Amino acid sequence: MATMGKYCKAYSLKKLRQFNQWTEHSENTRKEKQQVDGKEVEINRELTDDDFLYLQENYVVTDGIFKDENIIFDIITPEWQEFCKNRLLFEIPVYQN
């Protein structure tokens, strides 16, 4: 079952691709329904710079809001975390009870 994290933020793929060590697991993109020879089939969607992906609280990037599904990037290094904080201005909010 999919796990919803406490926080994620959407970023354009164009911004994420600015990270010099960026790689994509494009085989993990969400499925889209298309008509092929009169039949409805599901295929992985093609990612473009204009698509939005979700940076999760654990610094994994997903193609959807769930932190353990459709994982596109999961190489969590200090350089990646620094890029997220300084270039993307990613900051996890502190919620007070």
PDB file of N, CA and C in Angstrom:
ATOM      1  N   MET A   1       0.844  -1.175   0.000  1.00  0.00           N
ATOM      2  CA  MET A   1       0.000   0.000   0.000  1.00  0.00           C
ATOM      3  C   MET A   1       0.896   1.247   0.000  1.00  0.00           C
ATOM      4  N   ALA A   2       0.483   2.239  -0.745  1.00  0.00           N
ATOM      5  CA  ALA A   2       1.266   3.466  -0.880  1.00  0.00           C
ATOM      6  C   ALA A   2       1.334   4.224   0.448  1.00  0.00           C
ATOM      7  N   THR A   3       2.492   4.835   0.693  1.00  0.00           N
ATOM      8  CA  THR A   3       2.695   5.584   1.921  1.00  0.00           C
ATOM      9  C   THR A   3       2.741   7.074   1.621  1.00  0.00           C
ATOM     10  N   MET A   4       1.901   7.814   2.309  1.00  0.00           N
ATOM     11  CA  MET A   4       1.879   9.261   2.175  1.00  0.00           C
ATOM     12  C   MET A   4       2.811   9.837   3.225  1.00  0.00           C
ATOM     13  N   GLY A   5       3.760  10.660   2.791  1.00  0.00           N
ATOM     14  CA  GLY A   5       4.673  11.297   3.725  1.00  0.00           C
ATOM     15  C   GLY A   5       3.999  12.468   4.414  1.00  0.00           C
ATOM     16  N   LYS A   6       4.735  13.096   5.294  1.00  0.00           N
ATOM     17  CA  LYS A   6       4.205  14.272   5.991  1.00  0.00           C
ATOM     18  C   LYS A   6       4.341  15.533   5.148  1.00  0.00           C
ATOM     19  N   TYR A   7       5.324  15.528   4.201  1.00  0.00           N
ATOM     20  CA  TYR A   7       5.544  16.730   3.403  1.00  0.00           C
ATOM     21  C   TYR A   7       6.234  16.387   2.092  1.00  0.00           C
ATOM     22  N   CYS A   8       5.774  17.002   1.026  1.00  0.00           N
ATOM     23  CA  CYS A   8       6.458  16.952  -0.260  1.00  0.00           C
ATOM     24  C   CYS A   8       6.152  18.258  -0.989  1.00  0.00           C
ATOM     25  N   LYS A   9       6.993  18.582  -1.966  1.00  0.00           N
ATOM     26  CA  LYS A   9       6.816  19.816  -2.716  1.00  0.00           C
ATOM     27  C   LYS A   9       7.080  19.535  -4.185  1.00  0.00           C
ATOM     28  N   ALA A  10       6.239  20.086  -5.048  1.00  0.00           N
ATOM     29  CA  ALA A  10       6.365  19.873  -6.485  1.00  0.00           C
ATOM     30  C   ALA A  10       7.382  20.835  -7.087  1.00  0.00           C
ATOM     31  N   TYR A  11       8.200  20.311  -7.989  1.00  0.00           N
ATOM     32  CA  TYR A  11       9.176  21.102  -8.731  1.00  0.00           C
ATOM     33  C   TYR A  11       9.129  20.676 -10.192  1.00  0.00           C
ATOM     34  N   SER A  12       9.390  21.638 -11.071  1.00  0.00           N
ATOM     35  CA  SER A  12       9.470  21.284 -12.485  1.00  0.00           C
ATOM     36  C   SER A  12      10.706  20.416 -12.704  1.00  0.00           C
ATOM     37  N   LEU A  13      10.578  19.507 -13.616  1.00  0.00           N
ATOM     38  CA  LEU A  13      11.701  18.629 -13.922  1.00  0.00           C
ATOM     39  C   LEU A  13      12.883  19.439 -14.450  1.00  0.00           C
ATOM     40  N   LYS A  14      12.602  20.533 -15.111  1.00  0.00           N
ATOM     41  CA  LYS A  14      13.669  21.400 -15.609  1.00  0.00           C
ATOM     42  C   LYS A  14      14.573  21.874 -14.467  1.00  0.00           C
ATOM     43  N   LYS A  15      13.976  22.237 -13.332  1.00  0.00           N
ATOM     44  CA  LYS A  15      14.765  22.672 -12.168  1.00  0.00           C
ATOM     45  C   LYS A  15      15.543  21.512 -11.561  1.00  0.00           C
ATOM     46  N   LEU A  16      14.911  20.360 -11.444  1.00  0.00           N
ATOM     47  CA  LEU A  16      15.577  19.196 -10.851  1.00  0.00           C
ATOM     48  C   LEU A  16      16.760  18.741 -11.699  1.00  0.00           C
ATOM     49  N   ARG A  17      16.613  18.833 -13.006  1.00  0.00           N
ATOM     50  CA  ARG A  17      17.683  18.411 -13.920  1.00  0.00           C
ATOM     51  C   ARG A  17      18.906  19.322 -13.856  1.00  0.00           C
ATOM     52  N   GLN A  18      18.826  20.425 -13.174  1.00  0.00           N
ATOM     53  CA  GLN A  18      19.975  21.313 -13.022  1.00  0.00           C
ATOM     54  C   GLN A  18      21.024  20.739 -12.063  1.00  0.00           C
ATOM     55  N   PHE A  19      20.631  19.757 -11.272  1.00  0.00           N
ATOM     56  CA  PHE A  19      21.583  19.092 -10.382  1.00  0.00           C
ATOM     57  C   PHE A  19      22.561  18.279 -11.237  1.00  0.00           C
ATOM     58  N   ASN A  20      23.857  18.521 -11.072  1.00  0.00           N
ATOM     59  CA  ASN A  20      24.840  17.933 -11.973  1.00  0.00           C
ATOM     60  C   ASN A  20      24.986  16.415 -11.852  1.00  0.00           C
ATOM     61  N   GLN A  21      24.414  15.799 -10.835  1.00  0.00           N
ATOM     62  CA  GLN A  21      24.467  14.338 -10.695  1.00  0.00           C
ATOM     63  C   GLN A  21      23.086  13.709 -10.872  1.00  0.00           C
ATOM     64  N   TRP A  22      22.188  14.447 -11.512  1.00  0.00           N
ATOM     65  CA  TRP A  22      20.812  13.980 -11.707  1.00  0.00           C
ATOM     66  C   TRP A  22      20.775  12.776 -12.646  1.00  0.00           C
ATOM     67  N   THR A  23      20.052  11.753 -12.238  1.00  0.00           N
ATOM     68  CA  THR A  23      19.741  10.609 -13.086  1.00  0.00           C
ATOM     69  C   THR A  23      18.265  10.298 -12.894  1.00  0.00           C
ATOM     70  N   GLU A  24      17.655   9.672 -13.878  1.00  0.00           N
ATOM     71  CA  GLU A  24      16.222   9.396 -13.794  1.00  0.00           C
ATOM     72  C   GLU A  24      15.943   7.911 -13.985  1.00  0.00           C
ATOM     73  N   HIS A  25      15.079   7.396 -13.142  1.00  0.00           N
ATOM     74  CA  HIS A  25      14.551   6.045 -13.322  1.00  0.00           C
ATOM     75  C   HIS A  25      13.241   6.199 -14.095  1.00  0.00           C
ATOM     76  N   SER A  26      13.362   6.472 -15.391  1.00  0.00           N
ATOM     77  CA  SER A  26      12.171   6.752 -16.198  1.00  0.00           C
ATOM     78  C   SER A  26      11.232   5.556 -16.294  1.00  0.00           C
ATOM     79  N   GLU A  27      11.745   4.376 -16.017  1.00  0.00           N
ATOM     80  CA  GLU A  27      10.874   3.193 -16.022  1.00  0.00           C
ATOM     81  C   GLU A  27       9.878   3.212 -14.868  1.00  0.00           C
ATOM     82  N   ASN A  28      10.064   4.118 -13.909  1.00  0.00           N
ATOM     83  CA  ASN A  28       9.170   4.205 -12.746  1.00  0.00           C
ATOM     84  C   ASN A  28       8.116   5.302 -12.870  1.00  0.00           C
ATOM     85  N   THR A  29       8.004   5.929 -14.034  1.00  0.00           N
ATOM     86  CA  THR A  29       6.986   6.975 -14.175  1.00  0.00           C
ATOM     87  C   THR A  29       5.592   6.375 -14.054  1.00  0.00           C
ATOM     88  N   ARG A  30       4.648   7.277 -13.762  1.00  0.00           N
ATOM     89  CA  ARG A  30       3.259   6.834 -13.675  1.00  0.00           C
ATOM     90  C   ARG A  30       2.793   6.306 -15.032  1.00  0.00           C
ATOM     91  N   LYS A  31       1.840   5.428 -14.991  1.00  0.00           N
ATOM     92  CA  LYS A  31       1.270   4.847 -16.208  1.00  0.00           C
ATOM     93  C   LYS A  31       0.176   5.776 -16.751  1.00  0.00           C
ATOM     94  N   GLU A  32       0.101   5.835 -18.076  1.00  0.00           N
ATOM     95  CA  GLU A  32      -0.961   6.578 -18.755  1.00  0.00           C
ATOM     96  C   GLU A  32      -1.705   5.611 -19.655  1.00  0.00           C
ATOM     97  N   LYS A  33      -3.000   5.839 -19.787  1.00  0.00           N
ATOM     98  CA  LYS A  33      -3.804   4.997 -20.668  1.00  0.00           C
ATOM     99  C   LYS A  33      -3.801   5.607 -22.065  1.00  0.00           C
ATOM    100  N   GLN A  34      -3.566   4.737 -23.055  1.00  0.00           N
ATOM    101  CA  GLN A  34      -3.576   5.162 -24.452  1.00  0.00           C
ATOM    102  C   GLN A  34      -4.259   4.096 -25.285  1.00  0.00           C
ATOM    103  N   GLN A  35      -4.771   4.529 -26.425  1.00  0.00           N
ATOM    104  CA  GLN A  35      -5.392   3.602 -27.364  1.00  0.00           C
ATOM    105  C   GLN A  35      -4.336   3.110 -28.349  1.00  0.00           C
ATOM    106  N   VAL A  36      -4.158   1.799 -28.427  1.00  0.00           N
ATOM    107  CA  VAL A  36      -3.235   1.194 -29.370  1.00  0.00           C
ATOM    108  C   VAL A  36      -3.988   0.092 -30.099  1.00  0.00           C
ATOM    109  N   ASP A  37      -4.126   0.255 -31.394  1.00  0.00           N
ATOM    110  CA  ASP A  37      -4.864  -0.720 -32.224  1.00  0.00           C
ATOM    111  C   ASP A  37      -6.252  -0.996 -31.670  1.00  0.00           C
ATOM    112  N   GLY A  38      -6.931   0.059 -31.225  1.00  0.00           N
ATOM    113  CA  GLY A  38      -8.296  -0.071 -30.727  1.00  0.00           C
ATOM    114  C   GLY A  38      -8.408  -0.618 -29.316  1.00  0.00           C
ATOM    115  N   LYS A  39      -7.292  -0.867 -28.661  1.00  0.00           N
ATOM    116  CA  LYS A  39      -7.308  -1.386 -27.295  1.00  0.00           C
ATOM    117  C   LYS A  39      -6.704  -0.347 -26.357  1.00  0.00           C
ATOM    118  N   GLU A  40      -7.262  -0.286 -25.159  1.00  0.00           N
ATOM    119  CA  GLU A  40      -6.719   0.622 -24.159  1.00  0.00           C
ATOM    120  C   GLU A  40      -5.575  -0.080 -23.420  1.00  0.00           C
ATOM    121  N   VAL A  41      -4.395   0.546 -23.456  1.00  0.00           N
ATOM    122  CA  VAL A  41      -3.231  -0.025 -22.779  1.00  0.00           C
ATOM    123  C   VAL A  41      -2.623   1.040 -21.884  1.00  0.00           C
ATOM    124  N   GLU A  42      -1.868   0.579 -20.891  1.00  0.00           N
ATOM    125  CA  GLU A  42      -1.164   1.492 -19.997  1.00  0.00           C
ATOM    126  C   GLU A  42       0.321   1.469 -20.343  1.00  0.00           C
ATOM    127  N   ILE A  43       0.887   2.663 -20.530  1.00  0.00           N
ATOM    128  CA  ILE A  43       2.313   2.778 -20.804  1.00  0.00           C
ATOM    129  C   ILE A  43       2.901   3.829 -19.873  1.00  0.00           C
ATOM    130  N   ASN A  44       4.193   3.740 -19.659  1.00  0.00           N
ATOM    131  CA  ASN A  44       4.861   4.748 -18.831  1.00  0.00           C
ATOM    132  C   ASN A  44       4.839   6.081 -19.566  1.00  0.00           C
ATOM    133  N   ARG A  45       4.542   7.139 -18.842  1.00  0.00           N
ATOM    134  CA  ARG A  45       4.517   8.454 -19.474  1.00  0.00           C
ATOM    135  C   ARG A  45       5.940   8.933 -19.728  1.00  0.00           C
ATOM    136  N   GLU A  46       6.090   9.753 -20.738  1.00  0.00           N
ATOM    137  CA  GLU A  46       7.374  10.344 -21.091  1.00  0.00           C
ATOM    138  C   GLU A  46       7.543  11.637 -20.304  1.00  0.00           C
ATOM    139  N   LEU A  47       8.685  11.812 -19.657  1.00  0.00           N
ATOM    140  CA  LEU A  47       8.934  13.020 -18.875  1.00  0.00           C
ATOM    141  C   LEU A  47       9.541  14.112 -19.748  1.00  0.00           C
ATOM    142  N   THR A  48       9.055  15.341 -19.546  1.00  0.00           N
ATOM    143  CA  THR A  48       9.613  16.508 -20.223  1.00  0.00           C
ATOM    144  C   THR A  48       9.989  17.542 -19.167  1.00  0.00           C
ATOM    145  N   ASP A  49      10.740  18.557 -19.573  1.00  0.00           N
ATOM    146  CA  ASP A  49      11.143  19.618 -18.654  1.00  0.00           C
ATOM    147  C   ASP A  49       9.947  20.296 -18.000  1.00  0.00           C
ATOM    148  N   ASP A  50       8.795  20.283 -18.667  1.00  0.00           N
ATOM    149  CA  ASP A  50       7.602  20.963 -18.151  1.00  0.00           C
ATOM    150  C   ASP A  50       6.812  20.140 -17.137  1.00  0.00           C
ATOM    151  N   ASP A  51       7.166  18.871 -16.966  1.00  0.00           N
ATOM    152  CA  ASP A  51       6.469  18.030 -15.990  1.00  0.00           C
ATOM    153  C   ASP A  51       6.909  18.391 -14.576  1.00  0.00           C
ATOM    154  N   PHE A  52       6.024  18.117 -13.633  1.00  0.00           N
ATOM    155  CA  PHE A  52       6.326  18.348 -12.221  1.00  0.00           C
ATOM    156  C   PHE A  52       6.472  17.016 -11.507  1.00  0.00           C
ATOM    157  N   LEU A  53       7.514  16.941 -10.672  1.00  0.00           N
ATOM    158  CA  LEU A  53       7.749  15.783  -9.823  1.00  0.00           C
ATOM    159  C   LEU A  53       7.757  16.254  -8.378  1.00  0.00           C
ATOM    160  N   TYR A  54       7.711  15.317  -7.453  1.00  0.00           N
ATOM    161  CA  TYR A  54       7.584  15.651  -6.037  1.00  0.00           C
ATOM    162  C   TYR A  54       8.846  15.303  -5.267  1.00  0.00           C
ATOM    163  N   LEU A  55       9.403  16.319  -4.625  1.00  0.00           N
ATOM    164  CA  LEU A  55      10.538  16.133  -3.722  1.00  0.00           C
ATOM    165  C   LEU A  55       9.961  15.813  -2.352  1.00  0.00           C
ATOM    166  N   GLN A  56      10.267  14.622  -1.869  1.00  0.00           N
ATOM    167  CA  GLN A  56       9.706  14.139  -0.608  1.00  0.00           C
ATOM    168  C   GLN A  56      10.563  14.591   0.572  1.00  0.00           C
ATOM    169  N   GLU A  57      10.029  14.456   1.765  1.00  0.00           N
ATOM    170  CA  GLU A  57      10.727  14.837   2.996  1.00  0.00           C
ATOM    171  C   GLU A  57      12.042  14.082   3.187  1.00  0.00           C
ATOM    172  N   ASN A  58      12.167  12.907   2.566  1.00  0.00           N
ATOM    173  CA  ASN A  58      13.388  12.108   2.674  1.00  0.00           C
ATOM    174  C   ASN A  58      14.334  12.355   1.483  1.00  0.00           C
ATOM    175  N   TYR A  59      14.040  13.385   0.669  1.00  0.00           N
ATOM    176  CA  TYR A  59      14.835  13.823  -0.486  1.00  0.00           C
ATOM    177  C   TYR A  59      14.753  12.898  -1.689  1.00  0.00           C
ATOM    178  N   VAL A  60      13.855  11.947  -1.660  1.00  0.00           N
ATOM    179  CA  VAL A  60      13.570  11.116  -2.823  1.00  0.00           C
ATOM    180  C   VAL A  60      12.612  11.902  -3.718  1.00  0.00           C
ATOM    181  N   VAL A  61      12.771  11.762  -5.036  1.00  0.00           N
ATOM    182  CA  VAL A  61      11.890  12.436  -5.990  1.00  0.00           C
ATOM    183  C   VAL A  61      10.968  11.393  -6.612  1.00  0.00           C
ATOM    184  N   THR A  62       9.675  11.691  -6.602  1.00  0.00           N
ATOM    185  CA  THR A  62       8.685  10.747  -7.100  1.00  0.00           C
ATOM    186  C   THR A  62       7.785  11.391  -8.153  1.00  0.00           C
ATOM    187  N   ASP A  63       7.171  10.546  -8.948  1.00  0.00           N
ATOM    188  CA  ASP A  63       6.196  10.975  -9.948  1.00  0.00           C
ATOM    189  C   ASP A  63       4.807  10.750  -9.349  1.00  0.00           C
ATOM    190  N   GLY A  64       4.494  11.517  -8.353  1.00  0.00           N
ATOM    191  CA  GLY A  64       3.239  11.392  -7.614  1.00  0.00           C
ATOM    192  C   GLY A  64       3.487  11.748  -6.166  1.00  0.00           C
ATOM    193  N   ILE A  65       2.425  11.852  -5.403  1.00  0.00           N
ATOM    194  CA  ILE A  65       2.545  12.355  -4.036  1.00  0.00           C
ATOM    195  C   ILE A  65       2.970  11.306  -3.006  1.00  0.00           C
ATOM    196  N   PHE A  66       2.964  10.035  -3.381  1.00  0.00           N
ATOM    197  CA  PHE A  66       3.327   8.996  -2.419  1.00  0.00           C
ATOM    198  C   PHE A  66       4.845   8.809  -2.403  1.00  0.00           C
ATOM    199  N   LYS A  67       5.413   8.699  -1.209  1.00  0.00           N
ATOM    200  CA  LYS A  67       6.868   8.688  -1.089  1.00  0.00           C
ATOM    201  C   LYS A  67       7.525   7.353  -1.420  1.00  0.00           C
ATOM    202  N   ASP A  68       6.744   6.314  -1.619  1.00  0.00           N
ATOM    203  CA  ASP A  68       7.323   5.006  -1.917  1.00  0.00           C
ATOM    204  C   ASP A  68       6.834   4.411  -3.241  1.00  0.00           C
ATOM    205  N   GLU A  69       6.271   5.245  -4.101  1.00  0.00           N
ATOM    206  CA  GLU A  69       5.813   4.795  -5.415  1.00  0.00           C
ATOM    207  C   GLU A  69       6.367   5.710  -6.497  1.00  0.00           C
ATOM    208  N   ASN A  70       6.589   5.154  -7.669  1.00  0.00           N
ATOM    209  CA  ASN A  70       7.033   5.923  -8.831  1.00  0.00           C
ATOM    210  C   ASN A  70       8.283   6.747  -8.513  1.00  0.00           C
ATOM    211  N   ILE A  71       9.276   6.080  -7.962  1.00  0.00           N
ATOM    212  CA  ILE A  71      10.522   6.756  -7.559  1.00  0.00           C
ATOM    213  C   ILE A  71      11.366   7.032  -8.799  1.00  0.00           C
ATOM    214  N   ILE A  72      11.661   8.309  -9.015  1.00  0.00           N
ATOM    215  CA  ILE A  72      12.420   8.750 -10.179  1.00  0.00           C
ATOM    216  C   ILE A  72      13.887   8.996  -9.823  1.00  0.00           C
ATOM    217  N   PHE A  73      14.144   9.510  -8.641  1.00  0.00           N
ATOM    218  CA  PHE A  73      15.516   9.795  -8.208  1.00  0.00           C
ATOM    219  C   PHE A  73      15.638   9.448  -6.735  1.00  0.00           C
ATOM    220  N   ASP A  74      16.672   8.678  -6.390  1.00  0.00           N
ATOM    221  CA  ASP A  74      16.821   8.260  -4.988  1.00  0.00           C
ATOM    222  C   ASP A  74      18.278   8.163  -4.548  1.00  0.00           C
ATOM    223  N   ILE A  75      19.144   8.943  -5.179  1.00  0.00           N
ATOM    224  CA  ILE A  75      20.553   8.957  -4.781  1.00  0.00           C
ATOM    225  C   ILE A  75      20.747  10.134  -3.825  1.00  0.00           C
ATOM    226  N   ILE A  76      20.561   9.859  -2.547  1.00  0.00           N
ATOM    227  CA  ILE A  76      20.556  10.910  -1.526  1.00  0.00           C
ATOM    228  C   ILE A  76      21.978  11.108  -1.009  1.00  0.00           C
ATOM    229  N   THR A  77      22.584  12.175  -1.472  1.00  0.00           N
ATOM    230  CA  THR A  77      23.954  12.512  -1.073  1.00  0.00           C
ATOM    231  C   THR A  77      23.945  13.880  -0.392  1.00  0.00           C
ATOM    232  N   PRO A  78      25.009  14.223   0.313  1.00  0.00           N
ATOM    233  CA  PRO A  78      25.087  15.580   0.874  1.00  0.00           C
ATOM    234  C   PRO A  78      24.991  16.658  -0.217  1.00  0.00           C
ATOM    235  N   GLU A  79      25.531  16.378  -1.399  1.00  0.00           N
ATOM    236  CA  GLU A  79      25.455  17.344  -2.504  1.00  0.00           C
ATOM    237  C   GLU A  79      24.009  17.551  -2.955  1.00  0.00           C
ATOM    238  N   TRP A  80      23.248  16.472  -3.015  1.00  0.00           N
ATOM    239  CA  TRP A  80      21.836  16.562  -3.396  1.00  0.00           C
ATOM    240  C   TRP A  80      21.056  17.341  -2.334  1.00  0.00           C
ATOM    241  N   GLN A  81      21.285  17.045  -1.087  1.00  0.00           N
ATOM    242  CA  GLN A  81      20.583  17.754  -0.021  1.00  0.00           C
ATOM    243  C   GLN A  81      20.938  19.235  -0.033  1.00  0.00           C
ATOM    244  N   GLU A  82      22.186  19.555  -0.293  1.00  0.00           N
ATOM    245  CA  GLU A  82      22.597  20.959  -0.374  1.00  0.00           C
ATOM    246  C   GLU A  82      21.921  21.651  -1.562  1.00  0.00           C
ATOM    247  N   PHE A  83      21.865  20.968  -2.706  1.00  0.00           N
ATOM    248  CA  PHE A  83      21.183  21.506  -3.877  1.00  0.00           C
ATOM    249  C   PHE A  83      19.711  21.789  -3.557  1.00  0.00           C
ATOM    250  N   CYS A  84      19.069  20.856  -2.889  1.00  0.00           N
ATOM    251  CA  CYS A  84      17.647  21.021  -2.534  1.00  0.00           C
ATOM    252  C   CYS A  84      17.451  22.223  -1.607  1.00  0.00           C
ATOM    253  N   LYS A  85      18.312  22.356  -0.631  1.00  0.00           N
ATOM    254  CA  LYS A  85      18.175  23.445   0.340  1.00  0.00           C
ATOM    255  C   LYS A  85      18.544  24.797  -0.256  1.00  0.00           C
ATOM    256  N   ASN A  86      19.659  24.855  -0.996  1.00  0.00           N
ATOM    257  CA  ASN A  86      20.174  26.141  -1.462  1.00  0.00           C
ATOM    258  C   ASN A  86      19.643  26.574  -2.826  1.00  0.00           C
ATOM    259  N   ARG A  87      19.477  25.652  -3.746  1.00  0.00           N
ATOM    260  CA  ARG A  87      19.018  26.018  -5.090  1.00  0.00           C
ATOM    261  C   ARG A  87      17.508  25.941  -5.219  1.00  0.00           C
ATOM    262  N   LEU A  88      16.916  24.891  -4.640  1.00  0.00           N
ATOM    263  CA  LEU A  88      15.466  24.723  -4.727  1.00  0.00           C
ATOM    264  C   LEU A  88      14.738  25.386  -3.559  1.00  0.00           C
ATOM    265  N   LEU A  89      15.486  25.778  -2.558  1.00  0.00           N
ATOM    266  CA  LEU A  89      14.919  26.366  -1.337  1.00  0.00           C
ATOM    267  C   LEU A  89      13.902  25.438  -0.684  1.00  0.00           C
ATOM    268  N   PHE A  90      14.232  24.146  -0.694  1.00  0.00           N
ATOM    269  CA  PHE A  90      13.379  23.131  -0.084  1.00  0.00           C
ATOM    270  C   PHE A  90      13.593  23.149   1.415  1.00  0.00           C
ATOM    271  N   GLU A  91      12.508  23.330   2.131  1.00  0.00           N
ATOM    272  CA  GLU A  91      12.568  23.364   3.587  1.00  0.00           C
ATOM    273  C   GLU A  91      11.327  22.683   4.133  1.00  0.00           C
ATOM    274  N   ILE A  92      11.537  21.727   5.004  1.00  0.00           N
ATOM    275  CA  ILE A  92      10.414  21.017   5.596  1.00  0.00           C
ATOM    276  C   ILE A  92       9.865  21.876   6.739  1.00  0.00           C
ATOM    277  N   PRO A  93       8.578  22.207   6.690  1.00  0.00           N
ATOM    278  CA  PRO A  93       8.002  23.049   7.741  1.00  0.00           C
ATOM    279  C   PRO A  93       7.991  22.345   9.092  1.00  0.00           C
ATOM    280  N   VAL A  94       8.098  23.124  10.124  1.00  0.00           N
ATOM    281  CA  VAL A  94       7.981  22.613  11.492  1.00  0.00           C
ATOM    282  C   VAL A  94       6.560  22.905  11.948  1.00  0.00           C
ATOM    283  N   TYR A  95       5.824  21.852  12.186  1.00  0.00           N
ATOM    284  CA  TYR A  95       4.439  22.003  12.623  1.00  0.00           C
ATOM    285  C   TYR A  95       4.383  21.986  14.136  1.00  0.00           C
ATOM    286  N   GLN A  96       3.691  22.957  14.689  1.00  0.00           N
ATOM    287  CA  GLN A  96       3.528  22.991  16.134  1.00  0.00           C
ATOM    288  C   GLN A  96       2.166  22.445  16.513  1.00  0.00           C
ATOM    289  N   ASN A  97       2.136  21.673  17.582  1.00  0.00           N
ATOM    290  CA  ASN A  97       0.869  21.067  18.038  1.00  0.00           C
ATOM    291  C   ASN A  97       0.140  21.986  18.993  1.00  0.00           C
TER     292      ASN A  97
END
